[in-house]
Amino acid sequence: MDAMADILVIGSLNADLVVRTLRFPAPGETISGEDLAIIPGGKGANQAVAAARQGLAVTMVGRVGNDSFSPTLIQNLQNNKVDTTCIRVDESATGTAIIVVDASGQNSIVLSPGANGKVTPADVEAVSFKNADMLLLQLEIPLETVTHAARSARQNGLRVILNPAPARPLPDSLLADVDILVPNESELGLLSGQQVTDVTSAKAAARTLLAKGVKTVIVTLGSNGALIVTDEQVQHIPSFKVDVVDTTAAGDAFIGGLAAALLKGKPLEEAVRHGNASGALAATKFGAQPSLPTQDEVEQLLKPFPR
């Protein structure tokens, strides 16, 4: 990576195998769904596309398999102006996500990591951090690699945003290298060891992570917006009312929008509102990367708010 990149994303690329159905099946039950759709996804790639559509230069680091899915995933990133020169082709299968979307737009997902599970600290070492300003991380690649990437970014002066999904316990050493942690309620509950049921309990749980070295915690609350918790402030940013079609990648859209606004110099409150708008718009369309909004779409939704 020699070209300038505002954002470096080290994470997952998946082929999303999506079926829409009226409701989720009960255990042991077979139900009918619509035609299978194969859509580019993966939290890392989703966040890369989300940021790129907000006008930023983005480089993606990760692995795909040597199969029929990988050319589609790489081409889609290139179509969205994401630099793919740091994506390696592995001999294993491309990561896949089996996604069922019900009539209300909620989803149920099973991940098969494939090549994402082969992303190593050596892949991180092969990348130059000197031309980037921010690193986006998730947990769909090995934790050892995430930890190494966060430490490398810290040593090179990049801001680190970690989306701790899928949820799992994290070492304090990783949390100490994170500038902005963006969990949802269930992820926050697991990381803090506290039950999170509302804004009040989310505040208390987030403060336990600040004590471990995280600089800022932004809790995504779905239709209830997002909660900013730092040592200096606690602020709830309401969501936008939209007609939900599919919530897949809404959280990734939030992070892409948040990162873009921060790199454009927006204050934290405004950046979170930008993230909320991005996530809300993503929920109005079907699929992961196809649903991610453009900069113009987000600005239209934000027009009533003062700048």
Protein backbone atom coordinates (compact mmCIF):
# COMPACT_ATOMS: atom_id res chain seq x y z
CA MET A 1 0.00 0.00 0.00
CA ASP A 2 1.91 3.02 -1.24
CA ALA A 3 -1.02 5.22 -2.27
CA MET A 4 -2.59 7.65 0.17
CA ALA A 5 -5.46 6.14 2.15
CA ASP A 6 -7.62 7.97 4.67
CA ILE A 7 -8.75 4.65 6.13
CA LEU A 8 -7.14 1.24 6.41
CA VAL A 9 -9.57 -1.64 7.01
CA ILE A 10 -8.17 -4.97 8.19
CA GLY A 11 -10.95 -7.51 8.33
CA SER A 12 -13.31 -9.93 6.66
CA LEU A 13 -14.73 -10.40 3.18
CA ASN A 14 -17.75 -12.70 2.86
CA ALA A 15 -20.14 -13.93 0.25
CA ASP A 16 -23.55 -13.41 1.86
CA LEU A 17 -26.04 -16.14 0.94
CA VAL A 18 -29.36 -14.45 1.71
CA VAL A 19 -32.90 -15.79 1.82
CA ARG A 20 -35.94 -13.69 2.71
CA THR A 21 -38.83 -15.36 4.47
CA LEU A 22 -41.87 -14.33 6.49
CA ARG A 23 -40.41 -15.52 9.81
CA PHE A 24 -37.48 -17.42 11.27
CA PRO A 25 -37.93 -21.20 11.41
CA ALA A 26 -38.34 -22.91 14.77
CA PRO A 27 -35.83 -25.66 15.69
CA GLY A 28 -36.42 -28.67 13.45
CA GLU A 29 -38.85 -26.76 11.22
CA THR A 30 -38.59 -26.32 7.44
CA ILE A 31 -40.21 -23.22 5.93
CA SER A 32 -40.25 -21.71 2.44
CA GLY A 33 -38.30 -18.61 1.46
CA GLU A 34 -37.67 -16.47 -1.61
CA ASP A 35 -34.92 -17.06 -4.18
CA LEU A 36 -31.35 -17.21 -2.85
CA ALA A 37 -29.36 -13.99 -3.34
CA ILE A 38 -25.53 -13.97 -3.29
CA ILE A 39 -24.39 -10.53 -2.12
CA PRO A 40 -20.93 -9.13 -1.24
CA GLY A 41 -20.54 -8.79 2.52
CA GLY A 42 -18.27 -9.33 5.50
CA LYS A 43 -17.96 -6.71 8.24
CA GLY A 44 -14.54 -5.55 7.07
CA ALA A 45 -15.51 -5.16 3.43
CA ASN A 46 -18.86 -3.62 4.37
CA GLN A 47 -17.16 -0.94 6.45
CA ALA A 48 -14.62 -0.31 3.69
CA VAL A 49 -17.39 0.27 1.13
CA ALA A 50 -19.42 2.34 3.62
CA ALA A 51 -16.48 4.72 4.15
CA ALA A 52 -15.57 4.83 0.45
CA ARG A 53 -19.13 5.83 -0.47
CA GLN A 54 -18.70 8.76 1.90
CA GLY A 55 -15.87 10.05 -0.30
CA LEU A 56 -12.82 8.69 1.54
CA ALA A 57 -9.77 6.84 0.18
CA VAL A 58 -9.94 3.33 1.64
CA THR A 59 -7.58 0.34 1.50
CA MET A 60 -8.87 -3.14 2.36
CA VAL A 61 -6.61 -5.82 3.89
CA GLY A 62 -7.82 -9.41 4.14
CA ARG A 63 -8.10 -12.76 2.40
CA VAL A 64 -10.50 -14.46 0.02
CA GLY A 65 -10.56 -18.08 -1.14
CA ASN A 66 -9.53 -19.57 -4.45
CA ASP A 67 -13.12 -20.10 -5.62
CA SER A 68 -15.94 -18.56 -7.64
CA PHE A 69 -16.94 -16.08 -4.92
CA SER A 70 -13.64 -14.19 -4.66
CA PRO A 71 -13.62 -12.38 -8.04
CA THR A 72 -17.09 -11.00 -7.34
CA LEU A 73 -16.10 -9.70 -3.90
CA ILE A 74 -12.91 -8.04 -5.15
CA GLN A 75 -14.58 -6.54 -8.21
CA ASN A 76 -17.35 -5.06 -6.08
CA LEU A 77 -14.79 -3.38 -3.82
CA GLN A 78 -13.00 -1.98 -6.86
CA ASN A 79 -16.31 -0.73 -8.27
CA ASN A 80 -16.69 1.22 -5.03
CA LYS A 81 -13.16 2.68 -5.35
CA VAL A 82 -11.67 0.61 -2.53
CA ASP A 83 -7.97 -0.27 -2.98
CA THR A 84 -7.77 -4.09 -3.12
CA THR A 85 -4.02 -4.53 -3.68
CA CYS A 86 -3.57 -5.82 -0.10
CA ILE A 87 -6.15 -8.62 -0.40
CA ARG A 88 -4.55 -12.07 -0.65
CA VAL A 89 -6.06 -15.13 -2.34
CA ASP A 90 -5.90 -18.14 0.00
CA GLU A 91 -6.27 -21.80 -0.99
CA SER A 92 -9.17 -22.26 1.43
CA ALA A 93 -12.79 -21.28 0.74
CA THR A 94 -13.97 -17.68 0.73
CA GLY A 95 -15.77 -16.71 3.94
CA THR A 96 -19.54 -17.05 3.74
CA ALA A 97 -22.50 -15.86 5.78
CA ILE A 98 -25.83 -17.68 5.71
CA ILE A 99 -28.43 -14.97 6.32
CA VAL A 100 -32.18 -15.29 6.84
CA VAL A 101 -34.16 -12.03 6.74
CA ASP A 102 -37.71 -11.99 8.13
CA ALA A 103 -40.67 -9.83 7.12
CA SER A 104 -39.77 -7.12 9.67
CA GLY A 105 -36.24 -6.76 8.24
CA GLN A 106 -34.49 -8.45 11.16
CA ASN A 107 -31.80 -10.99 10.32
CA SER A 108 -30.29 -14.20 11.65
CA ILE A 109 -26.72 -14.99 10.53
CA VAL A 110 -24.40 -18.02 10.60
CA LEU A 111 -20.78 -17.34 9.65
CA SER A 112 -18.29 -19.72 8.02
CA PRO A 113 -14.94 -17.89 8.28
CA GLY A 114 -13.04 -19.65 5.49
CA ALA A 115 -10.12 -17.52 4.34
CA ASN A 116 -10.95 -14.85 6.92
CA GLY A 117 -9.66 -17.25 9.56
CA LYS A 118 -6.28 -17.28 7.81
CA VAL A 119 -5.54 -13.53 8.09
CA THR A 120 -2.31 -13.37 10.12
CA PRO A 121 -0.10 -10.78 11.81
CA ALA A 122 2.23 -11.28 8.83
CA ASP A 123 -0.51 -9.88 6.60
CA VAL A 124 -0.54 -6.81 8.83
CA GLU A 125 3.25 -6.51 8.71
CA ALA A 126 3.10 -6.44 4.90
CA VAL A 127 1.01 -3.26 4.96
CA SER A 128 2.31 0.28 5.34
CA PHE A 129 0.51 2.34 7.98
CA LYS A 130 2.36 5.56 7.17
CA ASN A 131 -0.13 6.92 4.61
CA ALA A 132 -3.34 6.25 6.59
CA ASP A 133 -5.08 8.26 9.30
CA MET A 134 -7.48 5.69 10.74
CA LEU A 135 -7.78 1.91 11.17
CA LEU A 136 -11.11 0.06 11.25
CA LEU A 137 -11.18 -3.38 12.90
CA GLN A 138 -13.81 -6.04 13.62
CA LEU A 139 -13.69 -9.60 15.02
CA GLU A 140 -14.33 -11.78 11.96
CA ILE A 141 -10.58 -12.44 11.61
CA PRO A 142 -8.32 -14.05 14.27
CA LEU A 143 -8.05 -12.08 17.51
CA GLU A 144 -4.24 -12.33 17.39
CA THR A 145 -4.29 -10.44 14.09
CA VAL A 146 -6.72 -7.80 15.37
CA THR A 147 -4.53 -7.22 18.43
CA HIS A 148 -1.39 -6.93 16.32
CA ALA A 149 -3.07 -4.50 13.91
CA ALA A 150 -4.31 -2.27 16.73
CA ARG A 151 -0.85 -2.12 18.28
CA SER A 152 0.79 -1.36 14.92
CA ALA A 153 -1.73 1.41 14.27
CA ARG A 154 -1.13 2.90 17.70
CA GLN A 155 2.64 2.89 17.13
CA ASN A 156 2.14 4.68 13.80
CA GLY A 157 -0.21 7.34 15.15
CA LEU A 158 -3.48 6.13 13.57
CA ARG A 159 -6.82 6.40 15.33
CA VAL A 160 -8.26 2.94 15.94
CA ILE A 161 -11.97 2.14 15.73
CA LEU A 162 -12.91 -1.38 16.85
CA ASN A 163 -16.33 -2.90 16.23
CA PRO A 164 -16.28 -5.88 18.67
CA ALA A 165 -18.48 -8.15 16.55
CA PRO A 166 -19.12 -11.02 16.59
CA ALA A 167 -19.14 -10.67 20.39
CA ARG A 168 -16.33 -12.31 22.36
CA PRO A 169 -14.21 -11.47 25.41
CA LEU A 170 -11.26 -9.19 24.65
CA PRO A 171 -7.94 -8.73 26.44
CA ASP A 172 -7.33 -5.44 28.22
CA SER A 173 -4.18 -5.00 26.12
CA LEU A 174 -6.30 -4.71 22.99
CA LEU A 175 -8.83 -2.36 24.57
CA ALA A 176 -6.00 -0.06 25.65
CA ASP A 177 -5.03 0.41 21.98
CA VAL A 178 -8.57 1.37 20.93
CA ASP A 179 -9.58 5.01 20.51
CA ILE A 180 -13.25 4.36 19.73
CA LEU A 181 -15.06 1.13 20.63
CA VAL A 182 -18.42 0.66 18.89
CA PRO A 183 -20.38 -2.24 20.45
CA ASN A 184 -24.10 -2.91 20.34
CA GLU A 185 -25.97 -3.67 23.56
CA SER A 186 -25.25 -7.41 23.63
CA GLU A 187 -21.56 -6.91 22.77
CA LEU A 188 -21.27 -4.27 25.48
CA GLY A 189 -22.87 -6.63 27.98
CA LEU A 190 -20.39 -9.40 27.20
CA LEU A 191 -17.34 -7.13 27.32
CA SER A 192 -18.36 -5.43 30.57
CA GLY A 193 -19.81 -8.46 32.34
CA GLN A 194 -22.90 -6.37 33.08
CA GLN A 195 -26.48 -6.70 31.91
CA VAL A 196 -27.37 -3.99 29.39
CA THR A 197 -31.10 -3.37 29.04
CA ASP A 198 -31.47 0.40 28.61
CA VAL A 199 -29.55 3.66 28.28
CA THR A 200 -28.80 3.85 32.03
CA SER A 201 -27.27 0.35 32.19
CA ALA A 202 -25.40 1.01 28.93
CA LYS A 203 -23.76 4.08 30.52
CA ALA A 204 -22.58 2.06 33.51
CA ALA A 205 -21.27 -0.80 31.37
CA ALA A 206 -19.45 1.57 29.00
CA ARG A 207 -17.66 3.22 31.91
CA THR A 208 -16.11 -0.13 32.87
CA LEU A 209 -14.47 -0.24 29.42
CA LEU A 210 -13.16 3.32 29.77
CA ALA A 211 -11.43 2.11 32.91
CA LYS A 212 -9.63 -0.51 30.79
CA GLY A 213 -8.11 2.16 28.53
CA VAL A 214 -10.68 2.69 25.76
CA LYS A 215 -10.83 6.42 24.99
CA THR A 216 -14.44 6.57 23.75
CA VAL A 217 -17.31 4.08 23.76
CA ILE A 218 -20.17 4.56 21.30
CA VAL A 219 -23.00 2.11 21.96
CA THR A 220 -25.29 1.48 19.00
CA LEU A 221 -28.87 1.03 20.20
CA GLY A 222 -30.67 0.15 16.95
CA SER A 223 -33.85 2.16 16.59
CA ASN A 224 -32.94 4.06 19.79
CA GLY A 225 -29.89 5.68 18.18
CA ALA A 226 -26.47 5.70 19.83
CA LEU A 227 -24.90 6.58 23.17
CA ILE A 228 -21.57 8.42 23.48
CA VAL A 229 -19.63 7.70 26.68
CA THR A 230 -16.27 9.30 27.45
CA ASP A 231 -14.60 10.51 30.64
CA GLU A 232 -15.89 14.00 29.83
CA GLN A 233 -19.39 13.37 28.46
CA VAL A 234 -22.36 11.05 28.22
CA GLN A 235 -24.74 11.90 25.38
CA HIS A 236 -27.59 10.08 23.69
CA ILE A 237 -27.98 10.76 19.94
CA PRO A 238 -31.46 9.77 18.67
CA SER A 239 -31.98 7.67 15.57
CA PHE A 240 -33.81 8.50 12.35
CA LYS A 241 -37.26 7.05 11.66
CA VAL A 242 -37.23 4.94 8.48
CA ASP A 243 -39.14 2.04 6.98
CA VAL A 244 -36.94 -0.96 7.74
CA VAL A 245 -36.43 -3.48 4.93
CA ASP A 246 -33.27 -5.31 6.06
CA THR A 247 -30.96 -4.48 8.98
CA THR A 248 -27.99 -6.37 7.49
CA ALA A 249 -24.91 -4.07 7.48
CA ALA A 250 -26.70 -1.20 9.22
CA GLY A 251 -24.06 -1.33 11.96
CA ASP A 252 -21.29 -1.34 9.35
CA ALA A 253 -22.89 1.66 7.65
CA PHE A 254 -22.90 3.44 11.02
CA ILE A 255 -19.16 2.89 11.43
CA GLY A 256 -18.37 3.98 7.88
CA GLY A 257 -20.41 7.14 8.34
CA LEU A 258 -18.88 7.84 11.76
CA ALA A 259 -15.33 7.37 10.47
CA ALA A 260 -15.93 9.56 7.42
CA ALA A 261 -17.34 12.40 9.49
CA LEU A 262 -14.51 12.27 12.01
CA LEU A 263 -11.86 12.37 9.27
CA LYS A 264 -13.63 15.37 7.76
CA GLY A 265 -13.16 17.18 11.06
CA LYS A 266 -16.70 16.90 12.43
CA PRO A 267 -17.10 16.98 16.23
CA LEU A 268 -17.97 13.66 17.87
CA GLU A 269 -21.68 14.41 18.37
CA GLU A 270 -22.11 15.37 14.72
CA ALA A 271 -20.09 12.36 13.58
CA VAL A 272 -22.35 10.00 15.54
CA ARG A 273 -25.42 11.65 14.03
CA HIS A 274 -23.81 11.07 10.62
CA GLY A 275 -23.33 7.43 11.60
CA ASN A 276 -26.97 7.15 12.70
CA ALA A 277 -28.13 8.54 9.36
CA SER A 278 -25.91 6.12 7.46
CA GLY A 279 -27.17 3.13 9.45
CA ALA A 280 -30.81 4.17 9.07
CA LEU A 281 -30.49 4.51 5.31
CA ALA A 282 -28.80 1.10 5.02
CA ALA A 283 -31.77 -0.49 6.78
CA THR A 284 -34.13 0.78 4.06
CA LYS A 285 -32.55 -1.45 1.37
CA PHE A 286 -32.00 -5.18 0.93
CA GLY A 287 -28.54 -6.75 1.25
CA ALA A 288 -25.23 -5.75 2.81
CA GLN A 289 -23.01 -3.68 0.49
CA PRO A 290 -25.82 -2.78 -1.96
CA SER A 291 -27.62 -1.04 0.92
CA LEU A 292 -24.75 1.23 1.98
CA PRO A 293 -25.62 4.91 1.37
CA THR A 294 -23.69 7.52 -0.58
CA GLN A 295 -22.46 10.81 0.84
CA ASP A 296 -25.28 12.68 -0.95
CA GLU A 297 -27.95 10.38 0.50
CA VAL A 298 -26.66 10.89 4.02
CA GLU A 299 -26.46 14.65 3.61
CA GLN A 300 -30.07 14.74 2.38
CA LEU A 301 -31.25 12.96 5.54
CA LEU A 302 -29.15 15.30 7.70
CA LYS A 303 -30.38 18.52 6.06
CA PRO A 304 -32.72 19.56 8.92
CA PHE A 305 -29.77 19.58 11.37
CA PRO A 306 -27.59 22.70 11.78
CA ARG A 307 -23.94 22.41 10.69
